[in-house]
């Protein structure tokens, strides 16, 4: 049985940041806002009133689309450019 996030709730977990860029979020998870699921990333920041979480949200579809790679281009597919 998989865990289902109810509307207007979410989860946040500590990420393994060892060896990653300093911009990589130390916390990440999933939220459901008004029926749409988003990836959430969180960073701990220091402000004038103390520490706080800075959050970023991305629609789940957007992240999956950005991971898709363009098809490989075969430079020899067009025989007219070959000089022999």
Protein backbone atom coordinates (compact mmCIF):
# COMPACT_ATOMS: atom_id res chain seq x y z
CA UNK A 1 0.00 0.00 0.00
CA UNK A 2 1.50 3.33 -1.03
CA UNK A 3 1.25 6.50 0.99
CA UNK A 4 -1.20 9.02 -0.43
CA UNK A 5 -0.75 12.68 0.43
CA UNK A 6 -4.08 14.24 1.32
CA UNK A 7 -5.07 17.63 -0.13
CA UNK A 8 -3.25 20.61 1.41
CA UNK A 9 -0.69 18.45 3.23
CA UNK A 10 2.82 17.28 2.48
CA UNK A 11 5.99 15.56 3.62
CA UNK A 12 9.54 16.83 4.04
CA UNK A 13 12.62 14.64 4.46
CA UNK A 14 16.32 15.28 5.01
CA UNK A 15 18.28 14.76 1.77
CA UNK A 16 21.74 13.20 1.57
CA UNK A 17 23.79 16.23 0.51
CA UNK A 18 27.26 14.72 0.80
CA UNK A 19 29.27 15.49 -2.33
CA UNK A 20 26.49 17.65 -3.82
CA UNK A 21 26.58 21.32 -4.79
CA UNK A 22 26.03 23.81 -1.98
CA UNK A 23 22.83 24.85 -3.80
CA UNK A 24 21.39 21.33 -3.49
CA UNK A 25 18.47 21.45 -1.01
CA UNK A 26 19.14 19.71 2.31
CA UNK A 27 15.43 18.90 2.62
CA UNK A 28 12.92 17.72 0.02
CA UNK A 29 9.53 16.13 -0.33
CA UNK A 30 6.07 16.28 -1.86
CA UNK A 31 3.06 18.48 -1.16
CA UNK A 32 -0.51 18.42 -2.46
CA UNK A 33 -1.96 21.90 -2.90
CA UNK A 34 -5.58 22.07 -4.06
CA UNK A 35 -5.32 18.61 -5.65
CA UNK A 36 -2.06 19.26 -7.55
CA UNK A 37 1.15 17.55 -6.45
CA UNK A 38 4.39 19.53 -6.23
CA UNK A 39 8.00 18.74 -5.36
CA UNK A 40 9.13 20.89 -2.43
CA UNK A 41 12.74 21.81 -1.68
CA UNK A 42 13.83 23.48 1.57
CA UNK A 43 16.96 25.27 2.76
CA UNK A 44 17.73 26.49 6.29
CA UNK A 45 18.59 30.20 6.26
CA UNK A 46 19.61 32.74 8.90
CA UNK A 47 17.57 35.92 9.10
CA UNK A 48 17.24 38.90 11.38
CA UNK A 49 14.69 36.99 13.50
CA UNK A 50 16.67 33.73 13.57
CA UNK A 51 16.69 30.59 11.45
CA UNK A 52 13.92 29.84 8.97
CA UNK A 53 13.10 27.53 6.05
CA UNK A 54 13.25 28.90 2.51
CA UNK A 55 10.97 26.84 0.25
CA UNK A 56 10.69 26.22 -3.49
CA UNK A 57 7.88 24.35 -5.28
CA UNK A 58 7.83 22.71 -8.73
CA UNK A 59 4.89 20.91 -10.31
CA UNK A 60 5.72 17.20 -10.52
CA UNK A 61 5.09 17.15 -14.29
CA UNK A 62 7.60 19.97 -14.84
CA UNK A 63 10.43 18.08 -13.12
CA UNK A 64 9.71 14.88 -15.06
CA UNK A 65 9.70 16.77 -18.38
CA UNK A 66 13.05 18.41 -17.61
CA UNK A 67 14.62 14.98 -17.06
CA UNK A 68 13.62 13.77 -20.51
CA UNK A 69 16.49 13.89 -22.95
CA UNK A 70 16.27 14.98 -26.53
CA UNK A 71 16.73 12.13 -29.02
CA UNK A 72 20.29 11.57 -30.17
CA UNK A 73 21.11 13.22 -33.47
CA UNK A 74 22.94 11.07 -36.02
CA UNK A 75 25.36 13.39 -37.86
CA UNK A 76 25.60 10.89 -40.75
CA UNK A 77 21.87 10.47 -41.29
CA UNK A 78 21.95 12.80 -44.31
CA UNK A 79 24.23 11.15 -46.92
CA UNK A 80 24.40 14.35 -49.00
CA UNK A 81 26.95 15.91 -46.63
CA UNK A 82 29.46 13.06 -46.90
CA UNK A 83 32.22 14.16 -49.33
CA UNK A 84 33.01 10.69 -50.74
